[in-house]
Amino acid sequence: MEWWQTLLVALGTYGFTKLVDQLLSVWKEKRDFKLKRRDDTVAQIEHLKNELGKLYELAINAKTYEYSGHYLKHPDNQFDLIGKWNKYPEIANAARDVVYWCSLARKVEKDPERQREHEEDLRMVYQTFLQVSDEFINRLV
């Protein structure tokens, strides 16, 4: 083999190696981006679950006069809380249902009979929200 043939083989091998390296780095970058986006979405869903959990706890167990300052922050905040989830309609709908039933349970707290009925409905709606969000997270993984 002459020197120029050896040089051509070396340049070809080098070019092929660089091409494969570039393709692998593009693939890895896309994969890393998808993983980061998935992790961010899961963190946001967990934040939503925490906020709705607080609202649920206040509606079920707390007396309004004891926690009125904390509870009054949530109705103004619910549009900010749920509005960004419109890109995931099933989560947004389940979250809206929880907020709606929380407000109903809070409004009828002077009537124990109706309050128990609304609390049972709220428990079912909240469990549905948790199931929907967990199913969504499992689909992401």
C-alpha atoms as a PDB file:
ATOM      1  CA  MET A   1       0.000   0.000   0.000  1.00  0.00           C
ATOM      2  CA  GLU A   2       1.356   3.383  -0.921  1.00  0.00           C
ATOM      3  CA  TRP A   3       1.442   6.409   1.383  1.00  0.00           C
ATOM      4  CA  TRP A   4      -1.455   8.198  -0.297  1.00  0.00           C
ATOM      5  CA  GLN A   5      -3.698   5.111   0.003  1.00  0.00           C
ATOM      6  CA  THR A   6      -2.865   4.901   3.703  1.00  0.00           C
ATOM      7  CA  LEU A   7      -3.668   8.603   4.019  1.00  0.00           C
ATOM      8  CA  LEU A   8      -7.047   8.140   2.283  1.00  0.00           C
ATOM      9  CA  VAL A   9      -7.954   5.221   4.571  1.00  0.00           C
ATOM     10  CA  ALA A  10      -6.962   7.247   7.646  1.00  0.00           C
ATOM     11  CA  LEU A  11      -8.959  10.304   6.487  1.00  0.00           C
ATOM     12  CA  GLY A  12     -11.963   8.149   5.657  1.00  0.00           C
ATOM     13  CA  THR A  13     -11.844   6.464   9.039  1.00  0.00           C
ATOM     14  CA  TYR A  14     -11.472   9.812  10.786  1.00  0.00           C
ATOM     15  CA  GLY A  15     -14.410  11.304   8.842  1.00  0.00           C
ATOM     16  CA  PHE A  16     -16.625   8.302   9.539  1.00  0.00           C
ATOM     17  CA  THR A  17     -15.739   8.401  13.237  1.00  0.00           C
ATOM     18  CA  LYS A  18     -16.577  12.117  13.443  1.00  0.00           C
ATOM     19  CA  LEU A  19     -19.901  11.585  11.644  1.00  0.00           C
ATOM     20  CA  VAL A  20     -20.918   8.800  14.035  1.00  0.00           C
ATOM     21  CA  ASP A  21     -19.825  10.913  17.010  1.00  0.00           C
ATOM     22  CA  GLN A  22     -21.916  13.860  15.785  1.00  0.00           C
ATOM     23  CA  LEU A  23     -24.995  11.681  15.246  1.00  0.00           C
ATOM     24  CA  LEU A  24     -24.653  10.192  18.721  1.00  0.00           C
ATOM     25  CA  SER A  25     -24.279  13.599  20.352  1.00  0.00           C
ATOM     26  CA  VAL A  26     -27.430  14.893  18.579  1.00  0.00           C
ATOM     27  CA  TRP A  27     -29.347  11.815  19.714  1.00  0.00           C
ATOM     28  CA  LYS A  28     -28.091  12.216  23.301  1.00  0.00           C
ATOM     29  CA  GLU A  29     -29.001  15.916  23.333  1.00  0.00           C
ATOM     30  CA  LYS A  30     -32.569  15.161  22.222  1.00  0.00           C
ATOM     31  CA  ARG A  31     -32.839  12.431  24.830  1.00  0.00           C
ATOM     32  CA  ASP A  32     -31.533  14.718  27.599  1.00  0.00           C
ATOM     33  CA  PHE A  33     -34.006  17.414  26.586  1.00  0.00           C
ATOM     34  CA  LYS A  34     -36.921  14.972  26.720  1.00  0.00           C
ATOM     35  CA  LEU A  35     -35.810  13.699  30.133  1.00  0.00           C
ATOM     36  CA  LYS A  36     -35.498  17.229  31.521  1.00  0.00           C
ATOM     37  CA  ARG A  37     -38.910  18.213  30.157  1.00  0.00           C
ATOM     38  CA  ARG A  38     -40.454  15.077  31.678  1.00  0.00           C
ATOM     39  CA  ASP A  39     -38.817  15.746  35.052  1.00  0.00           C
ATOM     40  CA  ASP A  40     -40.043  19.364  35.009  1.00  0.00           C
ATOM     41  CA  THR A  41     -43.582  18.233  34.191  1.00  0.00           C
ATOM     42  CA  VAL A  42     -43.546  15.659  36.993  1.00  0.00           C
ATOM     43  CA  ALA A  43     -42.318  18.310  39.445  1.00  0.00           C
ATOM     44  CA  GLN A  44     -45.106  20.676  38.376  1.00  0.00           C
ATOM     45  CA  ILE A  45     -47.725  17.946  38.770  1.00  0.00           C
ATOM     46  CA  GLU A  46     -46.414  17.186  42.251  1.00  0.00           C
ATOM     47  CA  HIS A  47     -46.644  20.898  43.096  1.00  0.00           C
ATOM     48  CA  LEU A  48     -50.260  20.965  41.883  1.00  0.00           C
ATOM     49  CA  LYS A  49     -51.022  17.861  43.953  1.00  0.00           C
ATOM     50  CA  ASN A  50     -49.536  19.545  47.025  1.00  0.00           C
ATOM     51  CA  GLU A  51     -51.538  22.753  46.544  1.00  0.00           C
ATOM     52  CA  LEU A  52     -54.802  20.909  45.957  1.00  0.00           C
ATOM     53  CA  GLY A  53     -54.003  18.679  48.929  1.00  0.00           C
ATOM     54  CA  LYS A  54     -53.822  21.760  51.143  1.00  0.00           C
ATOM     55  CA  LEU A  55     -57.112  23.025  49.768  1.00  0.00           C
ATOM     56  CA  TYR A  56     -58.687  19.591  50.243  1.00  0.00           C
ATOM     57  CA  GLU A  57     -57.439  19.353  53.822  1.00  0.00           C
ATOM     58  CA  LEU A  58     -58.811  22.778  54.672  1.00  0.00           C
ATOM     59  CA  ALA A  59     -62.181  21.980  53.120  1.00  0.00           C
ATOM     60  CA  ILE A  60     -62.550  18.614  54.862  1.00  0.00           C
ATOM     61  CA  ASN A  61     -61.056  19.096  58.307  1.00  0.00           C
ATOM     62  CA  ALA A  62     -60.576  22.751  59.158  1.00  0.00           C
ATOM     63  CA  LYS A  63     -63.075  25.239  60.451  1.00  0.00           C
ATOM     64  CA  THR A  64     -63.178  28.300  58.256  1.00  0.00           C
ATOM     65  CA  TYR A  65     -62.960  30.774  61.116  1.00  0.00           C
ATOM     66  CA  GLU A  66     -59.667  29.210  62.254  1.00  0.00           C
ATOM     67  CA  TYR A  67     -57.951  29.222  58.864  1.00  0.00           C
ATOM     68  CA  SER A  68     -59.852  31.904  56.997  1.00  0.00           C
ATOM     69  CA  GLY A  69     -56.724  33.907  56.166  1.00  0.00           C
ATOM     70  CA  HIS A  70     -55.007  30.924  54.588  1.00  0.00           C
ATOM     71  CA  TYR A  71     -58.135  29.647  52.860  1.00  0.00           C
ATOM     72  CA  LEU A  72     -59.001  32.978  51.303  1.00  0.00           C
ATOM     73  CA  LYS A  73     -55.698  32.996  49.416  1.00  0.00           C
ATOM     74  CA  HIS A  74     -56.677  29.935  47.408  1.00  0.00           C
ATOM     75  CA  PRO A  75     -59.832  31.060  45.559  1.00  0.00           C
ATOM     76  CA  ASP A  76     -57.918  33.960  43.999  1.00  0.00           C
ATOM     77  CA  ASN A  77     -54.996  31.689  43.280  1.00  0.00           C
ATOM     78  CA  GLN A  78     -56.987  28.832  41.729  1.00  0.00           C
ATOM     79  CA  PHE A  79     -56.976  30.358  38.258  1.00  0.00           C
ATOM     80  CA  ASP A  80     -53.193  30.714  38.347  1.00  0.00           C
ATOM     81  CA  LEU A  81     -52.916  27.237  39.796  1.00  0.00           C
ATOM     82  CA  ILE A  82     -55.104  25.455  37.244  1.00  0.00           C
ATOM     83  CA  GLY A  83     -54.745  27.763  34.240  1.00  0.00           C
ATOM     84  CA  LYS A  84     -51.314  26.509  33.234  1.00  0.00           C
ATOM     85  CA  TRP A  85     -52.627  22.938  33.130  1.00  0.00           C
ATOM     86  CA  ASN A  86     -54.943  23.551  30.174  1.00  0.00           C
ATOM     87  CA  LYS A  87     -52.299  21.926  27.982  1.00  0.00           C
ATOM     88  CA  TYR A  88     -53.154  18.695  29.840  1.00  0.00           C
ATOM     89  CA  PRO A  89     -56.978  18.717  29.783  1.00  0.00           C
ATOM     90  CA  GLU A  90     -57.570  15.632  31.932  1.00  0.00           C
ATOM     91  CA  ILE A  91     -55.467  17.037  34.790  1.00  0.00           C
ATOM     92  CA  ALA A  92     -57.012  20.507  34.460  1.00  0.00           C
ATOM     93  CA  ASN A  93     -60.558  19.116  34.522  1.00  0.00           C
ATOM     94  CA  ALA A  94     -59.884  16.926  37.546  1.00  0.00           C
ATOM     95  CA  ALA A  95     -58.231  19.852  39.372  1.00  0.00           C
ATOM     96  CA  ARG A  96     -61.189  22.139  38.585  1.00  0.00           C
ATOM     97  CA  ASP A  97     -63.540  19.538  40.015  1.00  0.00           C
ATOM     98  CA  VAL A  98     -61.531  19.409  43.245  1.00  0.00           C
ATOM     99  CA  VAL A  99     -61.560  23.198  43.613  1.00  0.00           C
ATOM    100  CA  TYR A 100     -65.300  23.317  42.893  1.00  0.00           C
ATOM    101  CA  TRP A 101     -66.145  20.637  45.456  1.00  0.00           C
ATOM    102  CA  CYS A 102     -63.842  22.253  48.020  1.00  0.00           C
ATOM    103  CA  SER A 103     -65.757  25.494  47.688  1.00  0.00           C
ATOM    104  CA  LEU A 104     -69.082  23.632  47.980  1.00  0.00           C
ATOM    105  CA  ALA A 105     -67.942  21.787  51.110  1.00  0.00           C
ATOM    106  CA  ARG A 106     -66.853  25.093  52.616  1.00  0.00           C
ATOM    107  CA  LYS A 107     -70.132  26.865  51.798  1.00  0.00           C
ATOM    108  CA  VAL A 108     -72.374  24.329  53.517  1.00  0.00           C
ATOM    109  CA  GLU A 109     -70.372  23.939  56.712  1.00  0.00           C
ATOM    110  CA  LYS A 110     -73.297  25.191  58.836  1.00  0.00           C
ATOM    111  CA  ASP A 111     -75.528  22.346  57.634  1.00  0.00           C
ATOM    112  CA  PRO A 112     -73.909  19.099  58.884  1.00  0.00           C
ATOM    113  CA  GLU A 113     -76.078  16.807  56.744  1.00  0.00           C
ATOM    114  CA  ARG A 114     -75.233  18.521  53.469  1.00  0.00           C
ATOM    115  CA  GLN A 115     -71.640  18.997  54.555  1.00  0.00           C
ATOM    116  CA  ARG A 116     -71.170  15.229  54.978  1.00  0.00           C
ATOM    117  CA  GLU A 117     -72.637  14.623  51.513  1.00  0.00           C
ATOM    118  CA  HIS A 118     -70.363  17.216  49.936  1.00  0.00           C
ATOM    119  CA  GLU A 119     -67.343  15.882  51.806  1.00  0.00           C
ATOM    120  CA  GLU A 120     -68.000  12.374  50.481  1.00  0.00           C
ATOM    121  CA  ASP A 121     -68.277  13.749  46.951  1.00  0.00           C
ATOM    122  CA  LEU A 122     -65.118  15.772  47.521  1.00  0.00           C
ATOM    123  CA  ARG A 123     -63.247  12.672  48.694  1.00  0.00           C
ATOM    124  CA  MET A 124     -64.257  10.802  45.529  1.00  0.00           C
ATOM    125  CA  VAL A 125     -63.337  13.733  43.270  1.00  0.00           C
ATOM    126  CA  TYR A 126     -59.977  14.168  45.019  1.00  0.00           C
ATOM    127  CA  GLN A 127     -59.182  10.456  44.646  1.00  0.00           C
ATOM    128  CA  THR A 128     -60.101  10.717  40.966  1.00  0.00           C
ATOM    129  CA  PHE A 129     -57.724  13.674  40.603  1.00  0.00           C
ATOM    130  CA  LEU A 130     -54.914  11.689  42.242  1.00  0.00           C
ATOM    131  CA  GLN A 131     -55.559   8.720  39.948  1.00  0.00           C
ATOM    132  CA  VAL A 132     -55.629  10.901  36.822  1.00  0.00           C
ATOM    133  CA  SER A 133     -52.400  12.663  37.754  1.00  0.00           C
ATOM    134  CA  ASP A 134     -50.645   9.395  38.663  1.00  0.00           C
ATOM    135  CA  GLU A 135     -51.737   7.810  35.374  1.00  0.00           C
ATOM    136  CA  PHE A 136     -50.423  10.848  33.513  1.00  0.00           C
ATOM    137  CA  ILE A 137     -47.074  10.616  35.321  1.00  0.00           C
ATOM    138  CA  ASN A 138     -46.863   6.888  34.544  1.00  0.00           C
ATOM    139  CA  ARG A 139     -47.450   7.599  30.854  1.00  0.00           C
ATOM    140  CA  LEU A 140     -44.550  10.070  30.894  1.00  0.00           C
ATOM    141  CA  VAL A 141     -42.142   7.515  32.310  1.00  0.00           C
END
